[in-house]
Amino acid sequence: MKSSTPFAATSLFEGVMITGTMRVQSEKKDLSFVDGSSEVASGYLLEGESIEPYQGDEGEE
């Protein structure tokens, strides 16, 4: 995901709501693992216009 504004997460698995545009675009990035790294290919790019903490559905308990 590309964003012009950084998002400061408060926890590792924090849910977020991203609004933006998804485009078809081939891209390769290095992904780091505990035992090394590997190049990973993807076919989509999400250009985020806004990122905010996920609030859930109203009325849920």
N, C-alpha and C. Protein backbone atom coordinates (compact mmCIF):
# COMPACT_ATOMS: atom_id res chain seq x y z
N MET A 1 0.83 -1.17 0.00
CA MET A 1 0.00 0.00 0.00
C MET A 1 0.87 1.23 0.00
N LYS A 2 0.48 2.21 -0.80
CA LYS A 2 1.16 3.51 -0.83
C LYS A 2 0.29 4.53 -0.14
N SER A 3 0.90 5.37 0.68
CA SER A 3 0.16 6.43 1.36
C SER A 3 1.04 7.66 1.45
N SER A 4 0.43 8.82 1.26
CA SER A 4 1.20 10.06 1.37
C SER A 4 1.37 10.48 2.83
N THR A 5 0.53 9.92 3.72
CA THR A 5 0.60 10.25 5.14
C THR A 5 0.86 8.98 5.94
N PRO A 6 1.87 8.95 6.79
CA PRO A 6 2.13 7.75 7.59
C PRO A 6 1.04 7.53 8.64
N PHE A 7 0.83 6.27 9.01
CA PHE A 7 -0.14 5.91 10.04
C PHE A 7 0.62 5.28 11.20
N ALA A 8 0.43 5.81 12.40
CA ALA A 8 1.10 5.29 13.58
C ALA A 8 0.19 4.29 14.27
N ALA A 9 0.44 3.01 14.06
CA ALA A 9 -0.37 1.96 14.70
C ALA A 9 -0.03 1.88 16.18
N THR A 10 -1.04 1.54 16.99
CA THR A 10 -0.82 1.42 18.43
C THR A 10 -0.50 -0.01 18.85
N SER A 11 -0.77 -0.98 17.96
CA SER A 11 -0.42 -2.37 18.25
C SER A 11 -0.13 -3.09 16.93
N LEU A 12 0.52 -4.24 17.03
CA LEU A 12 0.95 -4.99 15.85
C LEU A 12 -0.22 -5.44 14.98
N PHE A 13 -1.33 -5.85 15.60
CA PHE A 13 -2.47 -6.37 14.85
C PHE A 13 -3.67 -5.44 14.89
N GLU A 14 -3.45 -4.14 14.90
CA GLU A 14 -4.53 -3.17 14.94
C GLU A 14 -5.29 -3.16 13.61
N GLY A 15 -6.61 -3.26 13.69
CA GLY A 15 -7.45 -3.19 12.49
C GLY A 15 -7.56 -1.75 11.99
N VAL A 16 -7.49 -1.57 10.68
CA VAL A 16 -7.60 -0.23 10.10
C VAL A 16 -8.58 -0.24 8.93
N MET A 17 -9.14 0.91 8.63
CA MET A 17 -10.01 1.12 7.48
C MET A 17 -9.24 1.99 6.50
N ILE A 18 -9.03 1.49 5.29
CA ILE A 18 -8.27 2.22 4.27
C ILE A 18 -9.22 2.60 3.14
N THR A 19 -9.24 3.88 2.79
CA THR A 19 -10.01 4.37 1.67
C THR A 19 -9.03 4.80 0.60
N GLY A 20 -9.26 4.36 -0.63
CA GLY A 20 -8.33 4.72 -1.69
C GLY A 20 -8.66 4.05 -3.00
N THR A 21 -7.66 3.90 -3.86
CA THR A 21 -7.82 3.33 -5.18
C THR A 21 -6.94 2.10 -5.32
N MET A 22 -7.54 0.99 -5.80
CA MET A 22 -6.77 -0.22 -6.06
C MET A 22 -6.51 -0.31 -7.56
N ARG A 23 -5.25 -0.51 -7.92
CA ARG A 23 -4.85 -0.58 -9.32
C ARG A 23 -4.17 -1.90 -9.62
N VAL A 24 -4.30 -2.36 -10.85
CA VAL A 24 -3.56 -3.54 -11.30
C VAL A 24 -2.17 -3.07 -11.67
N GLN A 25 -1.17 -3.59 -10.97
CA GLN A 25 0.22 -3.18 -11.21
C GLN A 25 1.14 -4.27 -10.68
N SER A 26 1.97 -4.80 -11.56
CA SER A 26 2.93 -5.82 -11.16
C SER A 26 4.08 -5.17 -10.41
N GLU A 27 4.42 -5.76 -9.27
CA GLU A 27 5.49 -5.19 -8.45
C GLU A 27 6.17 -6.30 -7.66
N LYS A 28 7.46 -6.16 -7.41
CA LYS A 28 8.21 -7.12 -6.60
C LYS A 28 8.87 -6.36 -5.45
N LYS A 29 8.74 -6.92 -4.25
CA LYS A 29 9.32 -6.31 -3.04
C LYS A 29 10.02 -7.39 -2.23
N ASP A 30 11.05 -7.01 -1.49
CA ASP A 30 11.71 -7.93 -0.57
C ASP A 30 10.89 -8.03 0.70
N LEU A 31 10.63 -9.26 1.14
CA LEU A 31 9.90 -9.53 2.37
C LEU A 31 10.85 -10.23 3.32
N SER A 32 11.02 -9.66 4.51
CA SER A 32 11.96 -10.23 5.49
C SER A 32 11.27 -11.26 6.37
N PHE A 33 11.97 -12.36 6.60
CA PHE A 33 11.52 -13.43 7.47
C PHE A 33 12.53 -13.58 8.61
N VAL A 34 12.21 -14.40 9.59
CA VAL A 34 13.12 -14.65 10.70
C VAL A 34 14.42 -15.28 10.19
N ASP A 35 14.30 -16.15 9.19
CA ASP A 35 15.47 -16.88 8.69
C ASP A 35 16.01 -16.35 7.35
N GLY A 36 15.67 -15.14 6.99
CA GLY A 36 16.18 -14.56 5.74
C GLY A 36 15.14 -13.67 5.08
N SER A 37 15.28 -13.49 3.78
CA SER A 37 14.32 -12.67 3.04
C SER A 37 14.09 -13.29 1.67
N SER A 38 13.00 -12.87 1.02
CA SER A 38 12.64 -13.40 -0.28
C SER A 38 11.91 -12.32 -1.06
N GLU A 39 12.08 -12.32 -2.37
CA GLU A 39 11.37 -11.38 -3.22
C GLU A 39 9.96 -11.91 -3.47
N VAL A 40 8.95 -11.07 -3.25
CA VAL A 40 7.55 -11.47 -3.38
C VAL A 40 6.91 -10.61 -4.47
N ALA A 41 6.22 -11.26 -5.39
CA ALA A 41 5.54 -10.55 -6.48
C ALA A 41 4.08 -10.32 -6.11
N SER A 42 3.55 -9.16 -6.48
CA SER A 42 2.13 -8.86 -6.30
C SER A 42 1.60 -8.26 -7.59
N GLY A 43 0.29 -8.33 -7.77
CA GLY A 43 -0.32 -7.83 -9.00
C GLY A 43 -1.22 -6.63 -8.78
N TYR A 44 -1.29 -6.13 -7.53
CA TYR A 44 -2.16 -5.00 -7.22
C TYR A 44 -1.41 -3.99 -6.36
N LEU A 45 -1.84 -2.74 -6.46
CA LEU A 45 -1.28 -1.67 -5.64
C LEU A 45 -2.45 -0.88 -5.07
N LEU A 46 -2.47 -0.68 -3.76
CA LEU A 46 -3.50 0.12 -3.11
C LEU A 46 -2.92 1.48 -2.78
N GLU A 47 -3.49 2.52 -3.37
CA GLU A 47 -3.07 3.89 -3.09
C GLU A 47 -4.05 4.46 -2.07
N GLY A 48 -3.60 4.53 -0.82
CA GLY A 48 -4.47 4.95 0.27
C GLY A 48 -4.64 6.46 0.34
N GLU A 49 -5.87 6.91 0.40
CA GLU A 49 -6.16 8.33 0.57
C GLU A 49 -6.34 8.66 2.05
N SER A 50 -6.88 7.69 2.80
CA SER A 50 -7.01 7.89 4.24
C SER A 50 -6.90 6.54 4.94
N ILE A 51 -6.28 6.57 6.12
CA ILE A 51 -6.13 5.38 6.96
C ILE A 51 -6.59 5.79 8.36
N GLU A 52 -7.52 5.01 8.92
CA GLU A 52 -8.01 5.32 10.26
C GLU A 52 -8.28 4.02 11.02
N PRO A 53 -8.25 4.06 12.33
CA PRO A 53 -8.54 2.85 13.10
C PRO A 53 -9.93 2.31 12.78
N TYR A 54 -10.05 0.98 12.69
CA TYR A 54 -11.34 0.34 12.41
C TYR A 54 -12.21 0.42 13.65
N GLN A 55 -13.45 0.89 13.50
CA GLN A 55 -14.36 1.07 14.62
C GLN A 55 -15.37 -0.06 14.75
N GLY A 56 -15.53 -0.91 13.74
CA GLY A 56 -16.52 -1.99 13.79
C GLY A 56 -17.90 -1.48 13.39
N ASP A 57 -18.84 -2.42 13.33
CA ASP A 57 -20.21 -2.06 12.97
C ASP A 57 -20.95 -1.55 14.19
N GLU A 58 -21.85 -0.60 13.95
CA GLU A 58 -22.66 -0.07 15.05
C GLU A 58 -23.61 -1.16 15.52
N GLY A 59 -23.86 -1.23 16.81
CA GLY A 59 -24.80 -2.19 17.36
C GLY A 59 -24.18 -3.52 17.73
N GLU A 60 -22.92 -3.76 17.36
CA GLU A 60 -22.25 -5.00 17.74
C GLU A 60 -21.79 -4.93 19.17
N GLU A 61 -21.83 -6.03 19.86
CA GLU A 61 -21.34 -6.06 21.25
C GLU A 61 -20.09 -6.87 21.34
